[in-house]
Amino acid sequence: MHTMERTFGAVVRSRRELQSLTQAQLAARAGLSRPAVANIEAGSQRIGLDQVVALAAALGCTGSQLLAEVEANVQTSSGTVDLLSSPENRLELDRVLAKVRHEPGRD
């Protein structure tokens, strides 16, 4: 598969492990099979937007947050500094983005 699928899988695996979830637990939350989650994490399965949204919700984030993290990590393979490499940085970014999105007067 392509770099994007592998990177998406790595992001899903990282977020899953950060929450101490098994593949089976994530699969149950997302409405997927455990083998599907394993294939997604391995980067060997193309996924649709419905699966992106389901996985994101199961991991406690939005689809856009998940895809932004994938994009940031793909850019790092091109030489960009990876500010999202640590789980703590990713959680902090998610908190900041959520706060900004919910500020009064912002649409």
C-alpha atoms as a PDB file:
ATOM      1  CA  MET A   1       0.000   0.000   0.000  1.00  0.00           C
ATOM      2  CA  HIS A   2       0.948   3.640  -0.191  1.00  0.00           C
ATOM      3  CA  THR A   3       2.596   5.815   2.401  1.00  0.00           C
ATOM      4  CA  MET A   4      -0.735   7.383   3.344  1.00  0.00           C
ATOM      5  CA  GLU A   5      -2.293   4.025   4.300  1.00  0.00           C
ATOM      6  CA  ARG A   6       0.777   3.029   6.309  1.00  0.00           C
ATOM      7  CA  THR A   7       0.855   6.389   8.055  1.00  0.00           C
ATOM      8  CA  PHE A   8      -2.877   6.274   8.790  1.00  0.00           C
ATOM      9  CA  GLY A   9      -2.410   2.801  10.274  1.00  0.00           C
ATOM     10  CA  ALA A  10       0.483   3.971  12.427  1.00  0.00           C
ATOM     11  CA  VAL A  11      -1.567   6.904  13.746  1.00  0.00           C
ATOM     12  CA  VAL A  12      -4.514   4.626  14.573  1.00  0.00           C
ATOM     13  CA  ARG A  13      -2.201   2.151  16.325  1.00  0.00           C
ATOM     14  CA  SER A  14      -0.473   4.927  18.286  1.00  0.00           C
ATOM     15  CA  ARG A  15      -3.757   6.416  19.485  1.00  0.00           C
ATOM     16  CA  ARG A  16      -5.138   2.957  20.318  1.00  0.00           C
ATOM     17  CA  GLU A  17      -2.060   2.029  22.355  1.00  0.00           C
ATOM     18  CA  LEU A  18      -2.095   5.422  24.094  1.00  0.00           C
ATOM     19  CA  GLN A  19      -5.567   4.531  25.366  1.00  0.00           C
ATOM     20  CA  SER A  20      -4.507   0.970  26.279  1.00  0.00           C
ATOM     21  CA  LEU A  21      -7.071  -0.521  23.912  1.00  0.00           C
ATOM     22  CA  THR A  22      -6.704  -3.871  22.188  1.00  0.00           C
ATOM     23  CA  GLN A  23      -7.454  -4.195  18.497  1.00  0.00           C
ATOM     24  CA  ALA A  24     -10.602  -6.123  19.438  1.00  0.00           C
ATOM     25  CA  GLN A  25     -11.778  -3.327  21.748  1.00  0.00           C
ATOM     26  CA  LEU A  26     -11.177  -0.671  19.098  1.00  0.00           C
ATOM     27  CA  ALA A  27     -12.926  -2.821  16.506  1.00  0.00           C
ATOM     28  CA  ALA A  28     -15.980  -3.209  18.745  1.00  0.00           C
ATOM     29  CA  ARG A  29     -16.142   0.547  19.401  1.00  0.00           C
ATOM     30  CA  ALA A  30     -15.808   1.344  15.693  1.00  0.00           C
ATOM     31  CA  GLY A  31     -18.140  -1.366  14.417  1.00  0.00           C
ATOM     32  CA  LEU A  32     -15.345  -3.135  12.542  1.00  0.00           C
ATOM     33  CA  SER A  33     -13.845  -6.603  12.753  1.00  0.00           C
ATOM     34  CA  ARG A  34     -10.561  -7.142  14.607  1.00  0.00           C
ATOM     35  CA  PRO A  35      -8.869  -8.357  11.379  1.00  0.00           C
ATOM     36  CA  ALA A  36     -10.000  -5.140   9.659  1.00  0.00           C
ATOM     37  CA  VAL A  37      -8.381  -3.054  12.414  1.00  0.00           C
ATOM     38  CA  ALA A  38      -5.209  -5.162  12.149  1.00  0.00           C
ATOM     39  CA  ASN A  39      -5.109  -4.625   8.374  1.00  0.00           C
ATOM     40  CA  ILE A  40      -5.739  -0.891   8.742  1.00  0.00           C
ATOM     41  CA  GLU A  41      -2.944  -0.586  11.315  1.00  0.00           C
ATOM     42  CA  ALA A  42      -0.632  -2.547   9.012  1.00  0.00           C
ATOM     43  CA  GLY A  43      -1.459  -0.184   6.149  1.00  0.00           C
ATOM     44  CA  SER A  44      -2.629  -3.074   3.997  1.00  0.00           C
ATOM     45  CA  GLN A  45      -6.277  -2.054   3.673  1.00  0.00           C
ATOM     46  CA  ARG A  46      -7.768   0.953   1.952  1.00  0.00           C
ATOM     47  CA  ILE A  47     -10.488   2.552   4.013  1.00  0.00           C
ATOM     48  CA  GLY A  48     -13.429   4.787   3.274  1.00  0.00           C
ATOM     49  CA  LEU A  49     -14.510   7.965   4.968  1.00  0.00           C
ATOM     50  CA  ASP A  50     -17.132   6.092   6.972  1.00  0.00           C
ATOM     51  CA  GLN A  51     -14.373   3.972   8.508  1.00  0.00           C
ATOM     52  CA  VAL A  52     -12.206   7.046   9.177  1.00  0.00           C
ATOM     53  CA  VAL A  53     -15.086   8.683  11.038  1.00  0.00           C
ATOM     54  CA  ALA A  54     -15.922   5.474  12.948  1.00  0.00           C
ATOM     55  CA  LEU A  55     -12.303   4.934  14.006  1.00  0.00           C
ATOM     56  CA  ALA A  56     -11.915   8.573  15.011  1.00  0.00           C
ATOM     57  CA  ALA A  57     -15.042   8.461  17.161  1.00  0.00           C
ATOM     58  CA  ALA A  58     -13.874   5.206  18.741  1.00  0.00           C
ATOM     59  CA  LEU A  59     -10.555   6.883  19.547  1.00  0.00           C
ATOM     60  CA  GLY A  60     -12.203   9.984  21.015  1.00  0.00           C
ATOM     61  CA  CYS A  61     -11.332  12.447  18.279  1.00  0.00           C
ATOM     62  CA  THR A  62     -12.798  13.750  15.044  1.00  0.00           C
ATOM     63  CA  GLY A  63     -12.057  12.489  11.574  1.00  0.00           C
ATOM     64  CA  SER A  64     -10.413  15.806  10.745  1.00  0.00           C
ATOM     65  CA  GLN A  65      -8.116  15.541  13.777  1.00  0.00           C
ATOM     66  CA  LEU A  66      -7.124  12.020  12.795  1.00  0.00           C
ATOM     67  CA  LEU A  67      -6.454  13.009   9.178  1.00  0.00           C
ATOM     68  CA  ALA A  68      -4.536  16.132  10.244  1.00  0.00           C
ATOM     69  CA  GLU A  69      -2.252  13.930  12.307  1.00  0.00           C
ATOM     70  CA  VAL A  70      -1.757  11.622   9.328  1.00  0.00           C
ATOM     71  CA  GLU A  71      -0.946  14.592   7.106  1.00  0.00           C
ATOM     72  CA  ALA A  72       1.535  15.972   9.643  1.00  0.00           C
ATOM     73  CA  ASN A  73       3.286  12.613   9.842  1.00  0.00           C
ATOM     74  CA  VAL A  74       3.397  12.186   6.051  1.00  0.00           C
ATOM     75  CA  GLN A  75       5.021  15.601   5.775  1.00  0.00           C
ATOM     76  CA  THR A  76       7.681  14.564   8.281  1.00  0.00           C
ATOM     77  CA  SER A  77       8.786  11.780   5.951  1.00  0.00           C
ATOM     78  CA  SER A  78       9.611  14.589   3.517  1.00  0.00           C
ATOM     79  CA  GLY A  79      11.882  16.268   6.040  1.00  0.00           C
ATOM     80  CA  THR A  80       9.423  18.372   8.032  1.00  0.00           C
ATOM     81  CA  VAL A  81       9.912  18.368  11.803  1.00  0.00           C
ATOM     82  CA  ASP A  82       7.412  16.055  13.518  1.00  0.00           C
ATOM     83  CA  LEU A  83       5.905  18.005  16.391  1.00  0.00           C
ATOM     84  CA  LEU A  84       3.255  15.321  16.854  1.00  0.00           C
ATOM     85  CA  SER A  85       5.605  12.433  17.499  1.00  0.00           C
ATOM     86  CA  SER A  86       4.836  12.205  21.198  1.00  0.00           C
ATOM     87  CA  PRO A  87       1.425  11.129  22.512  1.00  0.00           C
ATOM     88  CA  GLU A  88       1.469  14.029  24.979  1.00  0.00           C
ATOM     89  CA  ASN A  89       1.916  16.562  22.169  1.00  0.00           C
ATOM     90  CA  ARG A  90      -0.953  14.993  20.209  1.00  0.00           C
ATOM     91  CA  LEU A  91      -3.284  15.104  23.214  1.00  0.00           C
ATOM     92  CA  GLU A  92      -2.346  18.705  23.925  1.00  0.00           C
ATOM     93  CA  LEU A  93      -2.967  19.654  20.299  1.00  0.00           C
ATOM     94  CA  ASP A  94      -6.376  17.953  20.428  1.00  0.00           C
ATOM     95  CA  ARG A  95      -7.245  19.895  23.602  1.00  0.00           C
ATOM     96  CA  VAL A  96      -6.168  23.213  22.078  1.00  0.00           C
ATOM     97  CA  LEU A  97      -8.046  22.567  18.831  1.00  0.00           C
ATOM     98  CA  ALA A  98     -11.197  21.616  20.733  1.00  0.00           C
ATOM     99  CA  LYS A  99     -10.971  24.781  22.826  1.00  0.00           C
ATOM    100  CA  VAL A 100     -10.442  26.992  19.783  1.00  0.00           C
ATOM    101  CA  ARG A 101     -13.363  25.415  17.954  1.00  0.00           C
ATOM    102  CA  HIS A 102     -15.690  26.064  20.896  1.00  0.00           C
ATOM    103  CA  GLU A 103     -14.732  29.682  21.597  1.00  0.00           C
ATOM    104  CA  PRO A 104     -17.719  32.051  21.476  1.00  0.00           C
ATOM    105  CA  GLY A 105     -17.828  34.062  18.272  1.00  0.00           C
ATOM    106  CA  ARG A 106     -15.775  31.565  16.267  1.00  0.00           C
ATOM    107  CA  ASP A 107     -17.409  29.668  13.416  1.00  0.00           C
END
